[in-house]
């Protein structure tokens, strides 16, 4: 067994030596071939002229315009004011009444400062009308003659033990024409309007104004005023 292992070892060693010798011979042949090619004279008889690189042309400094020279002191004279700008009224005072209706002053704290407020802090438009703070008009057409307010209360039954609602036409007709609500929002027929708080919250019936431009619907005692018998 030992002799057999020795023979195998000598065989593989000899094989490796042969492979190594062949690789050295191949490398030498490649190097010799490359040296022969590089040493051969060019077949083209034309003279090879190498282009000489030109020195870069140095850019000439341009003189800055006279008004842009940094060495000159800056002028302390203010430029002339810009003219023909839109003129607005003082934002701390109320705008002049009339068209274009509050275009000059849009500060709500100034515009609404004389409007009476409820306990909740919102504007009380009925009190403002009664105190002659505002003079509303029922139509955007100022030439249309106004319809005098009239007394007409409508009782609307409420669900459960909640007091019934009394809808007063009188404060609404201060600045609303009949066509503002009838028949587009309310049918002029008893029982013809299925009013509910869900629909009001969703912007139907009373919700067309209340919660937007009129007092919020969260103030229940403003509408539910008549206890049930």
C-alpha atoms as a PDB file:
ATOM      1  CA  UNK A   1       0.000   0.000   0.000  1.00  0.00           C
ATOM      2  CA  UNK A   2       2.824   2.393   0.848  1.00  0.00           C
ATOM      3  CA  UNK A   3       4.548   1.729  -2.488  1.00  0.00           C
ATOM      4  CA  UNK A   4       1.300   2.336  -4.364  1.00  0.00           C
ATOM      5  CA  UNK A   5       0.781   5.695  -2.616  1.00  0.00           C
ATOM      6  CA  UNK A   6       4.336   6.729  -3.475  1.00  0.00           C
ATOM      7  CA  UNK A   7       3.815   5.930  -7.157  1.00  0.00           C
ATOM      8  CA  UNK A   8       0.608   8.011  -7.259  1.00  0.00           C
ATOM      9  CA  UNK A   9       2.315  10.936  -5.572  1.00  0.00           C
ATOM     10  CA  UNK A  10       5.231  10.868  -8.063  1.00  0.00           C
ATOM     11  CA  UNK A  11       2.736  10.641 -10.958  1.00  0.00           C
ATOM     12  CA  UNK A  12       0.743  13.697  -9.896  1.00  0.00           C
ATOM     13  CA  UNK A  13       3.925  15.634  -9.147  1.00  0.00           C
ATOM     14  CA  UNK A  14       5.260  14.916 -12.619  1.00  0.00           C
ATOM     15  CA  UNK A  15       1.947  15.879 -14.189  1.00  0.00           C
ATOM     16  CA  UNK A  16       1.969  19.217 -12.391  1.00  0.00           C
ATOM     17  CA  UNK A  17       5.534  19.891 -13.517  1.00  0.00           C
ATOM     18  CA  UNK A  18       4.578  19.186 -17.130  1.00  0.00           C
ATOM     19  CA  UNK A  19       1.582  21.553 -16.964  1.00  0.00           C
ATOM     20  CA  UNK A  20       3.705  24.258 -15.368  1.00  0.00           C
ATOM     21  CA  UNK A  21       6.358  23.913 -18.081  1.00  0.00           C
ATOM     22  CA  UNK A  22       3.758  24.167 -20.827  1.00  0.00           C
ATOM     23  CA  UNK A  23       2.295  27.352 -19.327  1.00  0.00           C
ATOM     24  CA  UNK A  24       5.763  28.944 -19.110  1.00  0.00           C
ATOM     25  CA  UNK A  25       6.525  28.066 -22.713  1.00  0.00           C
ATOM     26  CA  UNK A  26       3.177  29.526 -23.864  1.00  0.00           C
ATOM     27  CA  UNK A  27       3.769  32.767 -21.980  1.00  0.00           C
ATOM     28  CA  UNK A  28       7.241  33.177 -23.455  1.00  0.00           C
ATOM     29  CA  UNK A  29       5.914  32.592 -26.956  1.00  0.00           C
ATOM     30  CA  UNK A  30       3.233  35.245 -26.512  1.00  0.00           C
ATOM     31  CA  UNK A  31       5.746  37.814 -25.276  1.00  0.00           C
ATOM     32  CA  UNK A  32       8.149  37.155 -28.129  1.00  0.00           C
ATOM     33  CA  UNK A  33       5.381  37.533 -30.697  1.00  0.00           C
ATOM     34  CA  UNK A  34       4.269  40.883 -29.270  1.00  0.00           C
ATOM     35  CA  UNK A  35       7.853  42.234 -29.294  1.00  0.00           C
ATOM     36  CA  UNK A  36       8.255  41.233 -32.948  1.00  0.00           C
ATOM     37  CA  UNK A  37       5.094  43.042 -33.997  1.00  0.00           C
ATOM     38  CA  UNK A  38       6.007  46.246 -32.159  1.00  0.00           C
ATOM     39  CA  UNK A  39       9.545  46.300 -33.642  1.00  0.00           C
ATOM     40  CA  UNK A  40       8.376  45.902 -37.269  1.00  0.00           C
ATOM     41  CA  UNK A  41       8.494  49.156 -39.338  1.00  0.00           C
ATOM     42  CA  UNK A  42       5.178  50.616 -40.478  1.00  0.00           C
ATOM     43  CA  UNK A  43       4.070  49.553 -43.947  1.00  0.00           C
ATOM     44  CA  UNK A  44       2.590  53.007 -44.735  1.00  0.00           C
ATOM     45  CA  UNK A  45       5.320  55.239 -46.106  1.00  0.00           C
ATOM     46  CA  UNK A  46       3.479  58.431 -45.202  1.00  0.00           C
ATOM     47  CA  UNK A  47       5.120  60.483 -42.528  1.00  0.00           C
ATOM     48  CA  UNK A  48       3.298  60.532 -39.281  1.00  0.00           C
ATOM     49  CA  UNK A  49       2.995  64.102 -38.028  1.00  0.00           C
ATOM     50  CA  UNK A  50       2.119  64.555 -34.428  1.00  0.00           C
ATOM     51  CA  UNK A  51      -0.131  67.523 -33.776  1.00  0.00           C
ATOM     52  CA  UNK A  52       1.319  69.875 -31.243  1.00  0.00           C
ATOM     53  CA  UNK A  53      -1.105  70.992 -28.543  1.00  0.00           C
ATOM     54  CA  UNK A  54      -1.617  74.723 -28.535  1.00  0.00           C
ATOM     55  CA  UNK A  55      -1.347  76.633 -25.336  1.00  0.00           C
ATOM     56  CA  UNK A  56      -4.753  77.688 -24.003  1.00  0.00           C
ATOM     57  CA  UNK A  57      -5.706  81.230 -24.797  1.00  0.00           C
ATOM     58  CA  UNK A  58      -6.077  83.209 -21.608  1.00  0.00           C
ATOM     59  CA  UNK A  59      -9.411  84.960 -21.424  1.00  0.00           C
ATOM     60  CA  UNK A  60      -9.153  88.691 -21.231  1.00  0.00           C
ATOM     61  CA  UNK A  61     -10.899  90.364 -18.328  1.00  0.00           C
ATOM     62  CA  UNK A  62     -13.783  92.506 -19.422  1.00  0.00           C
ATOM     63  CA  UNK A  63     -14.351  95.760 -17.707  1.00  0.00           C
ATOM     64  CA  UNK A  64     -17.583  95.881 -15.762  1.00  0.00           C
ATOM     65  CA  UNK A  65     -20.109  98.550 -16.629  1.00  0.00           C
ATOM     66  CA  UNK A  66     -19.638 101.740 -14.737  1.00  0.00           C
ATOM     67  CA  UNK A  67     -22.813 101.320 -12.713  1.00  0.00           C
ATOM     68  CA  UNK A  68     -21.802  97.806 -11.610  1.00  0.00           C
ATOM     69  CA  UNK A  69     -18.320  98.506 -10.324  1.00  0.00           C
ATOM     70  CA  UNK A  70     -18.065  97.313  -6.752  1.00  0.00           C
ATOM     71  CA  UNK A  71     -15.447  99.924  -5.914  1.00  0.00           C
ATOM     72  CA  UNK A  72     -17.966 102.756  -6.256  1.00  0.00           C
ATOM     73  CA  UNK A  73     -20.028 103.608  -3.145  1.00  0.00           C
ATOM     74  CA  UNK A  74     -23.700 102.660  -3.216  1.00  0.00           C
ATOM     75  CA  UNK A  75     -26.213 105.449  -3.520  1.00  0.00           C
ATOM     76  CA  UNK A  76     -28.181 106.218  -0.371  1.00  0.00           C
ATOM     77  CA  UNK A  77     -30.923 108.019  -2.270  1.00  0.00           C
ATOM     78  CA  UNK A  78     -34.209 106.094  -2.171  1.00  0.00           C
ATOM     79  CA  UNK A  79     -35.786 105.224  -5.527  1.00  0.00           C
ATOM     80  CA  UNK A  80     -38.922 107.101  -6.526  1.00  0.00           C
ATOM     81  CA  UNK A  81     -42.139 105.651  -5.093  1.00  0.00           C
ATOM     82  CA  UNK A  82     -44.269 103.375  -7.240  1.00  0.00           C
ATOM     83  CA  UNK A  83     -47.436 105.138  -8.315  1.00  0.00           C
ATOM     84  CA  UNK A  84     -50.842 104.070  -9.653  1.00  0.00           C
ATOM     85  CA  UNK A  85     -51.255 101.297  -7.057  1.00  0.00           C
ATOM     86  CA  UNK A  86     -54.767 100.408  -5.852  1.00  0.00           C
ATOM     87  CA  UNK A  87     -55.767 102.494  -2.866  1.00  0.00           C
ATOM     88  CA  UNK A  88     -57.507 100.822   0.069  1.00  0.00           C
ATOM     89  CA  UNK A  89     -59.178 102.255   3.104  1.00  0.00           C
ATOM     90  CA  UNK A  90     -57.750 102.091   6.584  1.00  0.00           C
ATOM     91  CA  UNK A  91     -58.015  98.421   7.721  1.00  0.00           C
ATOM     92  CA  UNK A  92     -58.700  99.549  11.292  1.00  0.00           C
ATOM     93  CA  UNK A  93     -61.941 101.390  10.492  1.00  0.00           C
ATOM     94  CA  UNK A  94     -65.209 100.332   8.941  1.00  0.00           C
ATOM     95  CA  UNK A  95     -65.384 100.580   5.146  1.00  0.00           C
ATOM     96  CA  UNK A  96     -67.525 103.151   3.418  1.00  0.00           C
ATOM     97  CA  UNK A  97     -71.077 101.772   3.015  1.00  0.00           C
ATOM     98  CA  UNK A  98     -72.335 100.877  -0.437  1.00  0.00           C
ATOM     99  CA  UNK A  99     -70.983  98.978  -3.423  1.00  0.00           C
ATOM    100  CA  UNK A 100     -68.723  97.059  -3.825  1.00  0.00           C
ATOM    101  CA  UNK A 101     -69.754  95.919  -0.314  1.00  0.00           C
ATOM    102  CA  UNK A 102     -66.768  95.395   1.917  1.00  0.00           C
ATOM    103  CA  UNK A 103     -64.183  95.064  -0.844  1.00  0.00           C
ATOM    104  CA  UNK A 104     -61.845  97.575   0.805  1.00  0.00           C
ATOM    105  CA  UNK A 105     -61.845  96.057   4.273  1.00  0.00           C
ATOM    106  CA  UNK A 106     -62.070  92.296   4.820  1.00  0.00           C
ATOM    107  CA  UNK A 107     -61.022  92.215   8.469  1.00  0.00           C
ATOM    108  CA  UNK A 108     -63.977  90.467  10.206  1.00  0.00           C
ATOM    109  CA  UNK A 109     -63.016  91.850  13.613  1.00  0.00           C
ATOM    110  CA  UNK A 110     -63.442  95.377  12.231  1.00  0.00           C
ATOM    111  CA  UNK A 111     -66.449  94.775   9.991  1.00  0.00           C
ATOM    112  CA  UNK A 112     -68.403  92.891  12.690  1.00  0.00           C
ATOM    113  CA  UNK A 113     -67.310  94.921  15.703  1.00  0.00           C
ATOM    114  CA  UNK A 114     -70.639  96.816  16.021  1.00  0.00           C
ATOM    115  CA  UNK A 115     -72.873  93.757  15.434  1.00  0.00           C
ATOM    116  CA  UNK A 116     -74.548  92.539  18.676  1.00  0.00           C
ATOM    117  CA  UNK A 117     -73.404  89.144  19.866  1.00  0.00           C
ATOM    118  CA  UNK A 118     -75.253  86.243  21.455  1.00  0.00           C
ATOM    119  CA  UNK A 119     -74.082  84.545  24.628  1.00  0.00           C
ATOM    120  CA  UNK A 120     -72.265  82.007  22.440  1.00  0.00           C
ATOM    121  CA  UNK A 121     -70.298  84.778  20.715  1.00  0.00           C
ATOM    122  CA  UNK A 122     -71.961  84.576  17.295  1.00  0.00           C
ATOM    123  CA  UNK A 123     -73.611  87.560  15.645  1.00  0.00           C
ATOM    124  CA  UNK A 124     -77.242  88.239  16.605  1.00  0.00           C
ATOM    125  CA  UNK A 125     -78.648  89.511  13.318  1.00  0.00           C
ATOM    126  CA  UNK A 126     -82.162  89.984  14.658  1.00  0.00           C
ATOM    127  CA  UNK A 127     -80.883  92.242  17.424  1.00  0.00           C
ATOM    128  CA  UNK A 128     -78.741  94.084  14.877  1.00  0.00           C
ATOM    129  CA  UNK A 129     -81.838  94.792  12.794  1.00  0.00           C
ATOM    130  CA  UNK A 130     -83.919  95.864  15.768  1.00  0.00           C
ATOM    131  CA  UNK A 131     -81.130  98.180  16.956  1.00  0.00           C
ATOM    132  CA  UNK A 132     -80.934  99.679  13.441  1.00  0.00           C
ATOM    133  CA  UNK A 133     -77.306  98.613  13.114  1.00  0.00           C
ATOM    134  CA  UNK A 134     -78.003  97.038   9.720  1.00  0.00           C
ATOM    135  CA  UNK A 135     -80.570  97.837   7.010  1.00  0.00           C
ATOM    136  CA  UNK A 136     -80.857  94.596   5.026  1.00  0.00           C
ATOM    137  CA  UNK A 137     -82.485  94.352   1.630  1.00  0.00           C
ATOM    138  CA  UNK A 138     -84.376  91.270   0.544  1.00  0.00           C
ATOM    139  CA  UNK A 139     -82.977  91.265  -3.001  1.00  0.00           C
ATOM    140  CA  UNK A 140     -79.667  91.902  -4.701  1.00  0.00           C
ATOM    141  CA  UNK A 141     -81.633  94.140  -7.055  1.00  0.00           C
ATOM    142  CA  UNK A 142     -81.675  97.384  -5.065  1.00  0.00           C
ATOM    143  CA  UNK A 143     -84.367  98.822  -7.343  1.00  0.00           C
ATOM    144  CA  UNK A 144     -86.854  96.138  -6.262  1.00  0.00           C
ATOM    145  CA  UNK A 145     -89.297  97.513  -3.676  1.00  0.00           C
ATOM    146  CA  UNK A 146     -89.085  95.586  -0.370  1.00  0.00           C
ATOM    147  CA  UNK A 147     -91.996  93.593   1.063  1.00  0.00           C
ATOM    148  CA  UNK A 148     -92.838  94.651   4.641  1.00  0.00           C
ATOM    149  CA  UNK A 149     -92.171  91.955   7.309  1.00  0.00           C
ATOM    150  CA  UNK A 150     -95.302  90.130   8.461  1.00  0.00           C
ATOM    151  CA  UNK A 151     -96.300  88.161  11.542  1.00  0.00           C
ATOM    152  CA  UNK A 152     -96.936  84.466  10.890  1.00  0.00           C
ATOM    153  CA  UNK A 153     -95.706  81.724  13.255  1.00  0.00           C
ATOM    154  CA  UNK A 154     -95.666  78.065  12.210  1.00  0.00           C
ATOM    155  CA  UNK A 155     -95.509  75.301  14.830  1.00  0.00           C
ATOM    156  CA  UNK A 156     -93.414  72.270  13.900  1.00  0.00           C
ATOM    157  CA  UNK A 157     -93.795  69.170  16.129  1.00  0.00           C
ATOM    158  CA  UNK A 158     -90.589  67.741  17.601  1.00  0.00           C
ATOM    159  CA  UNK A 159     -89.715  64.122  18.312  1.00  0.00           C
ATOM    160  CA  UNK A 160     -90.020  62.747  21.850  1.00  0.00           C
ATOM    161  CA  UNK A 161     -90.110  65.105  24.816  1.00  0.00           C
ATOM    162  CA  UNK A 162     -88.248  67.865  22.987  1.00  0.00           C
ATOM    163  CA  UNK A 163     -90.280  71.134  22.901  1.00  0.00           C
ATOM    164  CA  UNK A 164     -91.916  71.915  19.589  1.00  0.00           C
ATOM    165  CA  UNK A 165     -90.374  74.376  17.163  1.00  0.00           C
ATOM    166  CA  UNK A 166     -91.933  77.752  16.472  1.00  0.00           C
ATOM    167  CA  UNK A 167     -90.847  79.127  13.129  1.00  0.00           C
ATOM    168  CA  UNK A 168     -91.377  82.917  13.110  1.00  0.00           C
ATOM    169  CA  UNK A 169     -91.794  84.508   9.709  1.00  0.00           C
ATOM    170  CA  UNK A 170     -91.383  88.001  11.131  1.00  0.00           C
ATOM    171  CA  UNK A 171     -87.582  88.031  11.720  1.00  0.00           C
ATOM    172  CA  UNK A 172     -86.958  86.041   8.533  1.00  0.00           C
ATOM    173  CA  UNK A 173     -88.903  88.478   6.367  1.00  0.00           C
ATOM    174  CA  UNK A 174     -86.631  91.319   7.470  1.00  0.00           C
ATOM    175  CA  UNK A 175     -84.348  90.496   4.555  1.00  0.00           C
ATOM    176  CA  UNK A 176     -85.792  87.423   2.828  1.00  0.00           C
ATOM    177  CA  UNK A 177     -88.326  87.458   0.031  1.00  0.00           C
ATOM    178  CA  UNK A 178     -90.930  84.668  -0.055  1.00  0.00           C
ATOM    179  CA  UNK A 179     -89.305  83.204  -3.177  1.00  0.00           C
ATOM    180  CA  UNK A 180     -86.043  82.655  -1.239  1.00  0.00           C
ATOM    181  CA  UNK A 181     -87.649  79.723   0.605  1.00  0.00           C
ATOM    182  CA  UNK A 182     -90.871  78.857  -1.241  1.00  0.00           C
ATOM    183  CA  UNK A 183     -91.266  76.462  -2.913  1.00  0.00           C
ATOM    184  CA  UNK A 184     -87.609  75.519  -3.428  1.00  0.00           C
ATOM    185  CA  UNK A 185     -86.850  74.785   0.258  1.00  0.00           C
ATOM    186  CA  UNK A 186     -90.258  74.614   1.960  1.00  0.00           C
ATOM    187  CA  UNK A 187     -93.555  73.583   0.380  1.00  0.00           C
ATOM    188  CA  UNK A 188     -96.359  75.984   1.327  1.00  0.00           C
ATOM    189  CA  UNK A 189     -98.503  73.125   2.600  1.00  0.00           C
ATOM    190  CA  UNK A 190     -99.100  71.887   6.126  1.00  0.00           C
ATOM    191  CA  UNK A 191     -97.324  68.571   6.652  1.00  0.00           C
ATOM    192  CA  UNK A 192     -95.643  68.770   3.262  1.00  0.00           C
ATOM    193  CA  UNK A 193     -92.115  69.192   4.650  1.00  0.00           C
ATOM    194  CA  UNK A 194     -90.569  66.123   6.364  1.00  0.00           C
ATOM    195  CA  UNK A 195     -88.160  68.182   8.484  1.00  0.00           C
ATOM    196  CA  UNK A 196     -85.692  66.280  10.690  1.00  0.00           C
ATOM    197  CA  UNK A 197     -82.495  67.185  12.511  1.00  0.00           C
ATOM    198  CA  UNK A 198     -80.540  64.784  10.325  1.00  0.00           C
ATOM    199  CA  UNK A 199     -81.675  66.594   7.180  1.00  0.00           C
ATOM    200  CA  UNK A 200     -81.023  69.997   8.758  1.00  0.00           C
ATOM    201  CA  UNK A 201     -77.480  68.961   9.682  1.00  0.00           C
ATOM    202  CA  UNK A 202     -76.987  67.784   6.090  1.00  0.00           C
ATOM    203  CA  UNK A 203     -77.932  71.235   4.789  1.00  0.00           C
ATOM    204  CA  UNK A 204     -81.591  70.733   3.975  1.00  0.00           C
ATOM    205  CA  UNK A 205     -84.547  72.863   5.126  1.00  0.00           C
ATOM    206  CA  UNK A 206     -83.348  75.154   7.962  1.00  0.00           C
ATOM    207  CA  UNK A 207     -79.782  73.952   7.371  1.00  0.00           C
ATOM    208  CA  UNK A 208     -79.626  75.928   4.145  1.00  0.00           C
ATOM    209  CA  UNK A 209     -78.867  79.000   6.287  1.00  0.00           C
ATOM    210  CA  UNK A 210     -78.472  77.991   9.937  1.00  0.00           C
ATOM    211  CA  UNK A 211     -74.983  76.772  10.665  1.00  0.00           C
ATOM    212  CA  UNK A 212     -73.692  78.749   7.667  1.00  0.00           C
ATOM    213  CA  UNK A 213     -74.805  82.395   7.692  1.00  0.00           C
ATOM    214  CA  UNK A 214     -77.347  82.240  10.531  1.00  0.00           C
ATOM    215  CA  UNK A 215     -76.907  81.123  14.137  1.00  0.00           C
ATOM    216  CA  UNK A 216     -75.710  77.501  14.560  1.00  0.00           C
ATOM    217  CA  UNK A 217     -78.192  74.677  15.017  1.00  0.00           C
ATOM    218  CA  UNK A 218     -76.422  73.600  18.227  1.00  0.00           C
ATOM    219  CA  UNK A 219     -78.314  76.413  20.019  1.00  0.00           C
ATOM    220  CA  UNK A 220     -81.446  74.297  20.575  1.00  0.00           C
ATOM    221  CA  UNK A 221     -83.371  76.844  22.675  1.00  0.00           C
ATOM    222  CA  UNK A 222     -83.528  79.302  19.809  1.00  0.00           C
ATOM    223  CA  UNK A 223     -86.025  77.052  17.955  1.00  0.00           C
ATOM    224  CA  UNK A 224     -87.448  74.511  20.422  1.00  0.00           C
ATOM    225  CA  UNK A 225     -89.440  77.021  22.514  1.00  0.00           C
ATOM    226  CA  UNK A 226     -92.947  75.576  22.965  1.00  0.00           C
ATOM    227  CA  UNK A 227     -93.284  72.806  25.591  1.00  0.00           C
ATOM    228  CA  UNK A 228     -95.605  69.984  24.753  1.00  0.00           C
ATOM    229  CA  UNK A 229     -98.958  69.855  26.516  1.00  0.00           C
END
